[in-house]
Amino acid sequence: MVTTSGFTHAPVSRFLIFWSVGASILTSVLDIKHLVSVKPAPHLWPYLQFSRLLTFQLSHTSSTELLFSTALLYHFRVLERLWGSRKYASFVVVAVALNILLLPTFTVLLKVATFGVYNYLPAGSVAVVFAALSAWADEVPRLYRWKIVTSTSTAGEGETSSQSQSPPPNGGAGGLGGGINNIILSDKTTTYVLAAQLALSQFPYQLLPAAVGWTIGSAWMGEILPAGLGRWRVPPWMVGETSSRKEGRRGQYEGLRRRLEEEGSSADGMRNVSDNVNNATSGGQDERRGFGRQILGYFTGS
């Protein structure tokens, strides 16, 4: 199978990764990590710092979260190649906008429900990563499966070796007090393991962004987002689709049209050549006839 490496045909993924890394390093160097996370009390009330709602997804405050999120975003570049840069950028913008509305709302509701115990919304793009994970799980097929064979036995060492040499075909019990269990995994398992580690970081506060992001991605794939957000697209110039590219496509189609015309003219030329050959052949047959027969054919039309 031919694969494309790097960020080829994935400018949106490249921008997201470079932005996450650059913004996280900048907030760490400037020592402003405390300004990107959100606490309903006192940030939203009584300080009214609503600007945090627009900036809490821009950078990570943990190097572990930054590593896992960038690794997953790099892995999801195949989704951009499958959809196209414009659709993928629209998906990211919609996910970020919905996270701005939903995550602080659910955080406030959990704060009220837990009587002030849950009062923290961590910074980072975890919700966007899990939205892309949901779409990737639905769009990208599984390539292969692999199996882990585990055996448990309480018998002696000799019996264990004999059982391991001749395991039962059905994967069940293999003798007295022993058995073989098969754990079937796929090529997507490692991606889910990374996502699980990302969701469990800063436990339990990252579980909410992970759940909200997965729900947004599933709603996008199911085309059940309100106001037709699943069909909305960013302007073409945001992903580099300018008029010059359209002119290039026109030139490509013009070249294809000229090639078809040339092939058509060459076909007509070959037809004329074949007609000339046939005429020459018939003329040669006339020359091979005798002089008297030629005169007779002139008057009879044969």
C-alpha atoms as a PDB file:
ATOM      1  CA  MET A   1       0.000   0.000   0.000  1.00  0.00           C
ATOM      2  CA  VAL A   2       1.373   3.413  -1.001  1.00  0.00           C
ATOM      3  CA  THR A   3       1.343   5.930   1.856  1.00  0.00           C
ATOM      4  CA  THR A   4       2.065   9.650   1.907  1.00  0.00           C
ATOM      5  CA  SER A   5       4.451  10.778   4.606  1.00  0.00           C
ATOM      6  CA  GLY A   6       4.782  14.084   6.391  1.00  0.00           C
ATOM      7  CA  PHE A   7       2.297  16.918   5.956  1.00  0.00           C
ATOM      8  CA  THR A   8       1.791  16.405   2.226  1.00  0.00           C
ATOM      9  CA  HIS A   9      -1.747  17.513   1.309  1.00  0.00           C
ATOM     10  CA  ALA A  10      -2.434  18.303   4.987  1.00  0.00           C
ATOM     11  CA  PRO A  11      -1.878  22.056   5.574  1.00  0.00           C
ATOM     12  CA  VAL A  12      -4.600  22.326   8.222  1.00  0.00           C
ATOM     13  CA  SER A  13      -3.068  19.546  10.332  1.00  0.00           C
ATOM     14  CA  ARG A  14       0.340  21.172  10.019  1.00  0.00           C
ATOM     15  CA  PHE A  15      -1.072  24.514  11.186  1.00  0.00           C
ATOM     16  CA  LEU A  16      -2.837  22.937  14.171  1.00  0.00           C
ATOM     17  CA  ILE A  17       0.270  21.086  15.334  1.00  0.00           C
ATOM     18  CA  PHE A  18       2.638  24.017  14.888  1.00  0.00           C
ATOM     19  CA  TRP A  19       0.194  26.330  16.624  1.00  0.00           C
ATOM     20  CA  SER A  20      -0.297  23.985  19.588  1.00  0.00           C
ATOM     21  CA  VAL A  21       3.432  23.492  20.074  1.00  0.00           C
ATOM     22  CA  GLY A  22       4.308  27.159  19.585  1.00  0.00           C
ATOM     23  CA  ALA A  23       1.552  28.513  21.817  1.00  0.00           C
ATOM     24  CA  SER A  24       2.293  25.991  24.573  1.00  0.00           C
ATOM     25  CA  ILE A  25       5.995  26.831  24.556  1.00  0.00           C
ATOM     26  CA  LEU A  26       5.196  30.545  24.568  1.00  0.00           C
ATOM     27  CA  THR A  27       2.858  30.308  27.551  1.00  0.00           C
ATOM     28  CA  SER A  28       5.454  28.243  29.414  1.00  0.00           C
ATOM     29  CA  VAL A  29       8.287  30.680  28.680  1.00  0.00           C
ATOM     30  CA  LEU A  30       6.207  33.718  29.614  1.00  0.00           C
ATOM     31  CA  ASP A  31       4.890  31.932  32.734  1.00  0.00           C
ATOM     32  CA  ILE A  32       1.253  32.652  31.919  1.00  0.00           C
ATOM     33  CA  LYS A  33      -0.155  29.133  32.195  1.00  0.00           C
ATOM     34  CA  HIS A  34      -2.486  30.297  34.935  1.00  0.00           C
ATOM     35  CA  LEU A  35      -4.184  32.632  32.460  1.00  0.00           C
ATOM     36  CA  VAL A  36      -5.411  30.005  29.978  1.00  0.00           C
ATOM     37  CA  SER A  37      -7.377  27.622  32.188  1.00  0.00           C
ATOM     38  CA  VAL A  38     -10.888  28.441  33.379  1.00  0.00           C
ATOM     39  CA  LYS A  39     -12.371  28.286  36.855  1.00  0.00           C
ATOM     40  CA  PRO A  40     -16.029  29.319  37.000  1.00  0.00           C
ATOM     41  CA  ALA A  41     -15.359  30.788  40.424  1.00  0.00           C
ATOM     42  CA  PRO A  42     -13.720  33.272  40.543  1.00  0.00           C
ATOM     43  CA  HIS A  43     -12.812  33.739  36.838  1.00  0.00           C
ATOM     44  CA  LEU A  44     -16.335  33.949  35.438  1.00  0.00           C
ATOM     45  CA  TRP A  45     -17.884  35.190  38.654  1.00  0.00           C
ATOM     46  CA  PRO A  46     -17.190  37.647  40.226  1.00  0.00           C
ATOM     47  CA  TYR A  47     -14.190  38.694  38.070  1.00  0.00           C
ATOM     48  CA  LEU A  48     -16.123  38.446  34.761  1.00  0.00           C
ATOM     49  CA  GLN A  49     -13.074  37.256  32.795  1.00  0.00           C
ATOM     50  CA  PHE A  50     -15.080  35.973  29.834  1.00  0.00           C
ATOM     51  CA  SER A  51     -12.100  36.375  27.526  1.00  0.00           C
ATOM     52  CA  ARG A  52     -10.780  33.104  28.934  1.00  0.00           C
ATOM     53  CA  LEU A  53     -13.588  31.316  27.093  1.00  0.00           C
ATOM     54  CA  LEU A  54     -11.977  32.328  23.796  1.00  0.00           C
ATOM     55  CA  THR A  55      -8.407  31.410  24.723  1.00  0.00           C
ATOM     56  CA  PHE A  56      -8.548  28.234  26.829  1.00  0.00           C
ATOM     57  CA  GLN A  57      -8.237  25.991  23.725  1.00  0.00           C
ATOM     58  CA  LEU A  58      -5.166  27.736  22.296  1.00  0.00           C
ATOM     59  CA  SER A  59      -2.415  26.039  24.327  1.00  0.00           C
ATOM     60  CA  HIS A  60      -1.701  23.181  26.709  1.00  0.00           C
ATOM     61  CA  THR A  61      -0.393  23.550  30.219  1.00  0.00           C
ATOM     62  CA  SER A  62       1.090  20.035  30.425  1.00  0.00           C
ATOM     63  CA  SER A  63       3.852  18.595  28.266  1.00  0.00           C
ATOM     64  CA  THR A  64       2.210  15.158  28.421  1.00  0.00           C
ATOM     65  CA  GLU A  65      -1.058  16.473  27.019  1.00  0.00           C
ATOM     66  CA  LEU A  66       0.841  18.388  24.349  1.00  0.00           C
ATOM     67  CA  LEU A  67       2.710  15.241  23.278  1.00  0.00           C
ATOM     68  CA  PHE A  68      -0.375  13.051  23.050  1.00  0.00           C
ATOM     69  CA  SER A  69      -2.554  15.658  21.355  1.00  0.00           C
ATOM     70  CA  THR A  70       0.035  16.510  18.682  1.00  0.00           C
ATOM     71  CA  ALA A  71       0.682  12.803  18.043  1.00  0.00           C
ATOM     72  CA  LEU A  72      -3.037  12.218  17.534  1.00  0.00           C
ATOM     73  CA  LEU A  73      -3.484  15.294  15.334  1.00  0.00           C
ATOM     74  CA  TYR A  74      -0.581  14.126  13.193  1.00  0.00           C
ATOM     75  CA  HIS A  75      -2.210  10.718  12.918  1.00  0.00           C
ATOM     76  CA  PHE A  76      -5.538  12.286  11.911  1.00  0.00           C
ATOM     77  CA  ARG A  77      -3.995  14.026   8.887  1.00  0.00           C
ATOM     78  CA  VAL A  78      -5.314  11.088   6.877  1.00  0.00           C
ATOM     79  CA  LEU A  79      -8.785  12.442   7.641  1.00  0.00           C
ATOM     80  CA  GLU A  80      -7.851  15.754   6.008  1.00  0.00           C
ATOM     81  CA  ARG A  81      -6.576  13.953   2.918  1.00  0.00           C
ATOM     82  CA  LEU A  82      -9.796  11.975   2.773  1.00  0.00           C
ATOM     83  CA  TRP A  83     -12.110  14.971   3.166  1.00  0.00           C
ATOM     84  CA  GLY A  84     -10.031  17.745   1.698  1.00  0.00           C
ATOM     85  CA  SER A  85      -8.496  20.703   3.512  1.00  0.00           C
ATOM     86  CA  ARG A  86     -11.583  22.910   3.265  1.00  0.00           C
ATOM     87  CA  LYS A  87     -13.970  20.395   4.822  1.00  0.00           C
ATOM     88  CA  TYR A  88     -11.472  19.466   7.535  1.00  0.00           C
ATOM     89  CA  ALA A  89     -10.860  23.126   8.403  1.00  0.00           C
ATOM     90  CA  SER A  90     -14.626  23.673   8.590  1.00  0.00           C
ATOM     91  CA  PHE A  91     -14.893  20.694  10.937  1.00  0.00           C
ATOM     92  CA  VAL A  92     -12.202  22.116  13.234  1.00  0.00           C
ATOM     93  CA  VAL A  93     -13.778  25.596  13.289  1.00  0.00           C
ATOM     94  CA  VAL A  94     -17.214  24.184  14.119  1.00  0.00           C
ATOM     95  CA  ALA A  95     -15.747  21.995  16.860  1.00  0.00           C
ATOM     96  CA  VAL A  96     -13.878  24.926  18.435  1.00  0.00           C
ATOM     97  CA  ALA A  97     -16.982  27.141  18.329  1.00  0.00           C
ATOM     98  CA  LEU A  98     -19.211  24.498  19.917  1.00  0.00           C
ATOM     99  CA  ASN A  99     -16.591  23.806  22.591  1.00  0.00           C
ATOM    100  CA  ILE A 100     -16.617  27.481  23.538  1.00  0.00           C
ATOM    101  CA  LEU A 101     -20.358  27.225  24.170  1.00  0.00           C
ATOM    102  CA  LEU A 102     -20.705  23.740  25.637  1.00  0.00           C
ATOM    103  CA  LEU A 103     -17.635  23.183  27.805  1.00  0.00           C
ATOM    104  CA  PRO A 104     -18.051  26.218  30.116  1.00  0.00           C
ATOM    105  CA  THR A 105     -21.789  25.522  30.354  1.00  0.00           C
ATOM    106  CA  PHE A 106     -21.300  21.917  31.441  1.00  0.00           C
ATOM    107  CA  THR A 107     -18.532  22.961  33.822  1.00  0.00           C
ATOM    108  CA  VAL A 108     -20.852  25.418  35.551  1.00  0.00           C
ATOM    109  CA  LEU A 109     -23.595  22.772  35.742  1.00  0.00           C
ATOM    110  CA  LEU A 110     -21.185  20.253  37.275  1.00  0.00           C
ATOM    111  CA  LYS A 111     -20.019  22.884  39.758  1.00  0.00           C
ATOM    112  CA  VAL A 112     -23.586  23.434  40.868  1.00  0.00           C
ATOM    113  CA  ALA A 113     -24.342  19.700  40.950  1.00  0.00           C
ATOM    114  CA  THR A 114     -21.247  18.898  43.043  1.00  0.00           C
ATOM    115  CA  PHE A 115     -21.729  21.894  45.358  1.00  0.00           C
ATOM    116  CA  GLY A 116     -18.532  23.593  44.186  1.00  0.00           C
ATOM    117  CA  VAL A 117     -16.237  20.545  44.156  1.00  0.00           C
ATOM    118  CA  TYR A 118     -15.924  20.449  40.337  1.00  0.00           C
ATOM    119  CA  ASN A 119     -14.620  23.919  39.533  1.00  0.00           C
ATOM    120  CA  TYR A 120     -11.971  23.608  36.830  1.00  0.00           C
ATOM    121  CA  LEU A 121     -11.849  23.509  33.028  1.00  0.00           C
ATOM    122  CA  PRO A 122      -8.347  22.575  31.814  1.00  0.00           C
ATOM    123  CA  ALA A 123      -6.771  24.339  28.872  1.00  0.00           C
ATOM    124  CA  GLY A 124      -5.909  22.655  25.606  1.00  0.00           C
ATOM    125  CA  SER A 125      -7.417  21.228  22.443  1.00  0.00           C
ATOM    126  CA  VAL A 126      -8.485  17.898  23.947  1.00  0.00           C
ATOM    127  CA  ALA A 127     -12.093  18.365  22.818  1.00  0.00           C
ATOM    128  CA  VAL A 128     -11.006  19.057  19.230  1.00  0.00           C
ATOM    129  CA  VAL A 129      -8.761  15.988  19.267  1.00  0.00           C
ATOM    130  CA  PHE A 130     -11.595  13.756  20.443  1.00  0.00           C
ATOM    131  CA  ALA A 131     -13.966  15.228  17.855  1.00  0.00           C
ATOM    132  CA  ALA A 132     -11.440  14.301  15.172  1.00  0.00           C
ATOM    133  CA  LEU A 133     -11.020  10.885  16.821  1.00  0.00           C
ATOM    134  CA  SER A 134     -14.753  10.223  16.521  1.00  0.00           C
ATOM    135  CA  ALA A 135     -14.761  11.164  12.833  1.00  0.00           C
ATOM    136  CA  TRP A 136     -11.583   9.159  12.197  1.00  0.00           C
ATOM    137  CA  ALA A 137     -13.042   6.072  13.854  1.00  0.00           C
ATOM    138  CA  ASP A 138     -16.086   6.304  11.585  1.00  0.00           C
ATOM    139  CA  GLU A 139     -14.379   7.216   8.311  1.00  0.00           C
ATOM    140  CA  VAL A 140     -11.096   5.296   8.289  1.00  0.00           C
ATOM    141  CA  PRO A 141     -11.523   1.509   8.000  1.00  0.00           C
ATOM    142  CA  ARG A 142      -9.621  -1.076   9.991  1.00  0.00           C
ATOM    143  CA  LEU A 143      -6.720  -2.548   8.019  1.00  0.00           C
ATOM    144  CA  TYR A 144      -5.793  -5.628  10.028  1.00  0.00           C
ATOM    145  CA  ARG A 145      -6.258  -7.413  13.332  1.00  0.00           C
ATOM    146  CA  TRP A 146      -3.737  -8.980  15.641  1.00  0.00           C
ATOM    147  CA  LYS A 147      -4.161 -11.329  18.561  1.00  0.00           C
ATOM    148  CA  ILE A 148      -2.576 -11.683  21.976  1.00  0.00           C
ATOM    149  CA  VAL A 149      -2.718 -15.215  23.387  1.00  0.00           C
ATOM    150  CA  THR A 150      -2.730 -15.454  27.170  1.00  0.00           C
ATOM    151  CA  SER A 151      -2.726 -18.722  29.104  1.00  0.00           C
ATOM    152  CA  THR A 152      -3.571 -19.344  32.742  1.00  0.00           C
ATOM    153  CA  SER A 153      -2.850 -22.623  34.506  1.00  0.00           C
ATOM    154  CA  THR A 154      -2.617 -23.980  38.030  1.00  0.00           C
ATOM    155  CA  ALA A 155      -1.157 -27.357  37.056  1.00  0.00           C
ATOM    156  CA  GLY A 156       2.478 -28.406  37.203  1.00  0.00           C
ATOM    157  CA  GLU A 157       5.246 -27.197  34.994  1.00  0.00           C
ATOM    158  CA  GLY A 158       5.204 -30.283  32.753  1.00  0.00           C
ATOM    159  CA  GLU A 159       1.479 -30.027  32.168  1.00  0.00           C
ATOM    160  CA  THR A 160       1.797 -26.339  31.360  1.00  0.00           C
ATOM    161  CA  SER A 161       4.458 -27.008  28.724  1.00  0.00           C
ATOM    162  CA  SER A 162       2.408 -29.777  27.149  1.00  0.00           C
ATOM    163  CA  GLN A 163      -0.642 -27.560  27.054  1.00  0.00           C
ATOM    164  CA  SER A 164       1.322 -24.735  25.456  1.00  0.00           C
ATOM    165  CA  GLN A 165       2.615 -27.089  22.786  1.00  0.00           C
ATOM    166  CA  SER A 166      -0.850 -28.330  21.827  1.00  0.00           C
ATOM    167  CA  PRO A 167      -3.417 -25.623  22.546  1.00  0.00           C
ATOM    168  CA  PRO A 168      -7.076 -26.439  21.968  1.00  0.00           C
ATOM    169  CA  PRO A 169      -8.451 -25.123  18.697  1.00  0.00           C
ATOM    170  CA  ASN A 170     -11.411 -23.341  20.262  1.00  0.00           C
ATOM    171  CA  GLY A 171      -9.273 -21.228  22.621  1.00  0.00           C
ATOM    172  CA  GLY A 172     -11.055 -22.590  25.705  1.00  0.00           C
ATOM    173  CA  ALA A 173      -9.852 -24.741  28.558  1.00  0.00           C
ATOM    174  CA  GLY A 174      -6.672 -26.609  27.783  1.00  0.00           C
ATOM    175  CA  GLY A 175      -6.552 -29.161  30.561  1.00  0.00           C
ATOM    176  CA  LEU A 176      -6.862 -29.486  34.303  1.00  0.00           C
ATOM    177  CA  GLY A 177      -7.092 -26.004  35.760  1.00  0.00           C
ATOM    178  CA  GLY A 178      -5.728 -24.324  32.625  1.00  0.00           C
ATOM    179  CA  GLY A 179      -7.005 -22.317  29.673  1.00  0.00           C
ATOM    180  CA  ILE A 180      -6.040 -20.072  26.767  1.00  0.00           C
ATOM    181  CA  ASN A 181      -7.640 -16.684  26.212  1.00  0.00           C
ATOM    182  CA  ASN A 182      -7.333 -14.653  23.008  1.00  0.00           C
ATOM    183  CA  ILE A 183      -7.365 -10.868  23.046  1.00  0.00           C
ATOM    184  CA  ILE A 184      -8.138  -9.638  19.524  1.00  0.00           C
ATOM    185  CA  LEU A 185      -6.910  -6.121  18.723  1.00  0.00           C
ATOM    186  CA  SER A 186      -6.562  -4.067  15.535  1.00  0.00           C
ATOM    187  CA  ASP A 187      -4.301  -1.438  14.023  1.00  0.00           C
ATOM    188  CA  LYS A 188      -6.496   1.254  15.635  1.00  0.00           C
ATOM    189  CA  THR A 189      -5.824   0.030  19.164  1.00  0.00           C
ATOM    190  CA  THR A 190      -2.677   2.089  19.705  1.00  0.00           C
ATOM    191  CA  THR A 191      -4.542   5.242  18.681  1.00  0.00           C
ATOM    192  CA  TYR A 192      -7.280   4.538  21.222  1.00  0.00           C
ATOM    193  CA  VAL A 193      -4.659   3.892  23.910  1.00  0.00           C
ATOM    194  CA  LEU A 194      -3.104   7.321  23.298  1.00  0.00           C
ATOM    195  CA  ALA A 195      -6.545   8.920  23.395  1.00  0.00           C
ATOM    196  CA  ALA A 196      -7.357   7.147  26.672  1.00  0.00           C
ATOM    197  CA  GLN A 197      -4.137   8.417  28.240  1.00  0.00           C
ATOM    198  CA  LEU A 198      -5.005  11.930  27.070  1.00  0.00           C
ATOM    199  CA  ALA A 199      -8.512  11.711  28.529  1.00  0.00           C
ATOM    200  CA  LEU A 200      -7.208  10.420  31.877  1.00  0.00           C
ATOM    201  CA  SER A 201      -4.644  13.199  32.288  1.00  0.00           C
ATOM    202  CA  GLN A 202      -5.589  15.713  35.006  1.00  0.00           C
ATOM    203  CA  PHE A 203      -8.212  13.230  36.156  1.00  0.00           C
ATOM    204  CA  PRO A 204     -11.156  13.760  36.243  1.00  0.00           C
ATOM    205  CA  TYR A 205     -11.214  17.156  34.574  1.00  0.00           C
ATOM    206  CA  GLN A 206     -10.194  16.052  31.085  1.00  0.00           C
ATOM    207  CA  LEU A 207     -13.049  13.533  30.891  1.00  0.00           C
ATOM    208  CA  LEU A 208     -15.557  16.306  30.200  1.00  0.00           C
ATOM    209  CA  PRO A 209     -13.704  17.780  27.167  1.00  0.00           C
ATOM    210  CA  ALA A 210     -13.133  14.263  25.840  1.00  0.00           C
ATOM    211  CA  ALA A 211     -16.833  13.362  26.115  1.00  0.00           C
ATOM    212  CA  VAL A 212     -18.006  16.656  24.618  1.00  0.00           C
ATOM    213  CA  GLY A 213     -15.529  16.406  21.750  1.00  0.00           C
ATOM    214  CA  TRP A 214     -16.534  12.835  20.937  1.00  0.00           C
ATOM    215  CA  THR A 215     -20.210  13.879  20.960  1.00  0.00           C
ATOM    216  CA  ILE A 216     -19.546  16.777  18.591  1.00  0.00           C
ATOM    217  CA  GLY A 217     -17.645  14.535  16.193  1.00  0.00           C
ATOM    218  CA  SER A 218     -20.411  11.933  16.244  1.00  0.00           C
ATOM    219  CA  ALA A 219     -23.048  14.624  15.655  1.00  0.00           C
ATOM    220  CA  TRP A 220     -21.038  15.946  12.702  1.00  0.00           C
ATOM    221  CA  MET A 221     -20.774  12.494  11.160  1.00  0.00           C
ATOM    222  CA  GLY A 222     -24.468  11.839  11.794  1.00  0.00           C
ATOM    223  CA  GLU A 223     -25.405  15.237  10.274  1.00  0.00           C
ATOM    224  CA  ILE A 224     -27.495  16.154  13.307  1.00  0.00           C
ATOM    225  CA  LEU A 225     -25.781  19.424  14.232  1.00  0.00           C
ATOM    226  CA  PRO A 226     -28.211  22.352  14.519  1.00  0.00           C
ATOM    227  CA  ALA A 227     -28.502  25.159  11.965  1.00  0.00           C
ATOM    228  CA  GLY A 228     -26.838  23.083   9.254  1.00  0.00           C
ATOM    229  CA  LEU A 229     -23.378  23.423  10.786  1.00  0.00           C
ATOM    230  CA  GLY A 230     -22.337  20.121   9.227  1.00  0.00           C
ATOM    231  CA  ARG A 231     -22.781  21.620   5.738  1.00  0.00           C
ATOM    232  CA  TRP A 232     -21.085  24.932   6.479  1.00  0.00           C
ATOM    233  CA  ARG A 233     -17.668  25.505   4.877  1.00  0.00           C
ATOM    234  CA  VAL A 234     -14.930  28.059   5.459  1.00  0.00           C
ATOM    235  CA  PRO A 235     -14.075  30.461   2.611  1.00  0.00           C
ATOM    236  CA  PRO A 236     -11.818  28.868  -0.024  1.00  0.00           C
ATOM    237  CA  TRP A 237      -9.031  31.415   0.477  1.00  0.00           C
ATOM    238  CA  MET A 238      -8.487  30.187   4.055  1.00  0.00           C
ATOM    239  CA  VAL A 239      -7.111  26.880   2.785  1.00  0.00           C
ATOM    240  CA  GLY A 240      -5.301  28.271  -0.259  1.00  0.00           C
ATOM    241  CA  GLU A 241      -8.006  27.658  -2.860  1.00  0.00           C
ATOM    242  CA  THR A 242      -7.564  30.917  -4.781  1.00  0.00           C
ATOM    243  CA  SER A 243      -8.459  32.022  -8.288  1.00  0.00           C
ATOM    244  CA  SER A 244      -4.990  31.041  -9.525  1.00  0.00           C
ATOM    245  CA  ARG A 245      -5.757  27.433  -8.684  1.00  0.00           C
ATOM    246  CA  LYS A 246      -9.008  27.705 -10.617  1.00  0.00           C
ATOM    247  CA  GLU A 247      -7.112  29.104 -13.587  1.00  0.00           C
ATOM    248  CA  GLY A 248      -4.692  26.207 -13.314  1.00  0.00           C
ATOM    249  CA  ARG A 249      -7.583  23.790 -13.438  1.00  0.00           C
ATOM    250  CA  ARG A 250      -8.967  25.603 -16.475  1.00  0.00           C
ATOM    251  CA  GLY A 251      -5.589  25.305 -18.157  1.00  0.00           C
ATOM    252  CA  GLN A 252      -5.543  21.618 -17.336  1.00  0.00           C
ATOM    253  CA  TYR A 253      -8.975  21.140 -18.877  1.00  0.00           C
ATOM    254  CA  GLU A 254      -7.935  23.251 -21.880  1.00  0.00           C
ATOM    255  CA  GLY A 255      -4.924  21.023 -22.408  1.00  0.00           C
ATOM    256  CA  LEU A 256      -7.147  17.960 -22.195  1.00  0.00           C
ATOM    257  CA  ARG A 257      -9.507  19.465 -24.779  1.00  0.00           C
ATOM    258  CA  ARG A 258      -6.635  20.227 -27.156  1.00  0.00           C
ATOM    259  CA  ARG A 259      -5.293  16.717 -26.782  1.00  0.00           C
ATOM    260  CA  LEU A 260      -8.698  15.275 -27.613  1.00  0.00           C
ATOM    261  CA  GLU A 261      -8.926  17.545 -30.658  1.00  0.00           C
ATOM    262  CA  GLU A 262      -5.483  16.442 -31.806  1.00  0.00           C
ATOM    263  CA  GLU A 263      -6.445  12.822 -31.365  1.00  0.00           C
ATOM    264  CA  GLY A 264      -9.609  13.486 -33.356  1.00  0.00           C
ATOM    265  CA  SER A 265      -7.683  15.198 -36.156  1.00  0.00           C
ATOM    266  CA  SER A 266      -5.175  12.365 -36.221  1.00  0.00           C
ATOM    267  CA  ALA A 267      -8.054   9.912 -36.501  1.00  0.00           C
ATOM    268  CA  ASP A 268      -9.415  11.889 -39.452  1.00  0.00           C
ATOM    269  CA  GLY A 269      -5.949  11.859 -40.991  1.00  0.00           C
ATOM    270  CA  MET A 270      -5.708   8.112 -40.599  1.00  0.00           C
ATOM    271  CA  ARG A 271      -9.131   7.788 -42.188  1.00  0.00           C
ATOM    272  CA  ASN A 272      -7.984   9.867 -45.157  1.00  0.00           C
ATOM    273  CA  VAL A 273      -4.852   7.778 -45.461  1.00  0.00           C
ATOM    274  CA  SER A 274      -6.894   4.593 -45.475  1.00  0.00           C
ATOM    275  CA  ASP A 275      -9.158   6.044 -48.153  1.00  0.00           C
ATOM    276  CA  ASN A 276      -6.130   6.973 -50.248  1.00  0.00           C
ATOM    277  CA  VAL A 277      -4.725   3.507 -49.820  1.00  0.00           C
ATOM    278  CA  ASN A 278      -7.995   1.993 -50.945  1.00  0.00           C
ATOM    279  CA  ASN A 279      -8.126   4.293 -53.938  1.00  0.00           C
ATOM    280  CA  ALA A 280      -4.546   3.478 -54.807  1.00  0.00           C
ATOM    281  CA  THR A 281      -5.300  -0.210 -54.525  1.00  0.00           C
ATOM    282  CA  SER A 282      -8.292   0.082 -56.790  1.00  0.00           C
ATOM    283  CA  GLY A 283      -6.216   2.193 -59.215  1.00  0.00           C
ATOM    284  CA  GLY A 284      -3.539  -0.461 -59.235  1.00  0.00           C
ATOM    285  CA  GLN A 285      -6.125  -3.048 -60.065  1.00  0.00           C
ATOM    286  CA  ASP A 286      -7.268  -0.857 -62.953  1.00  0.00           C
ATOM    287  CA  GLU A 287      -3.707  -0.587 -64.198  1.00  0.00           C
ATOM    288  CA  ARG A 288      -3.353  -4.329 -64.062  1.00  0.00           C
ATOM    289  CA  ARG A 289      -6.323  -4.718 -66.441  1.00  0.00           C
ATOM    290  CA  GLY A 290      -5.731  -4.723 -70.137  1.00  0.00           C
ATOM    291  CA  PHE A 291      -6.096  -1.688 -72.416  1.00  0.00           C
ATOM    292  CA  GLY A 292      -9.167  -3.057 -74.129  1.00  0.00           C
ATOM    293  CA  ARG A 293     -10.883  -3.835 -70.860  1.00  0.00           C
ATOM    294  CA  GLN A 294     -10.158  -0.301 -69.628  1.00  0.00           C
ATOM    295  CA  ILE A 295     -11.852   1.192 -72.696  1.00  0.00           C
ATOM    296  CA  LEU A 296     -14.806  -1.192 -72.259  1.00  0.00           C
ATOM    297  CA  GLY A 297     -15.090  -0.234 -68.602  1.00  0.00           C
ATOM    298  CA  TYR A 298     -15.089   3.426 -69.562  1.00  0.00           C
ATOM    299  CA  PHE A 299     -18.232   3.008 -71.617  1.00  0.00           C
ATOM    300  CA  THR A 300     -19.928   0.423 -69.403  1.00  0.00           C
ATOM    301  CA  GLY A 301     -19.001   2.020 -66.022  1.00  0.00           C
ATOM    302  CA  SER A 302     -17.503  -1.172 -64.607  1.00  0.00           C
END
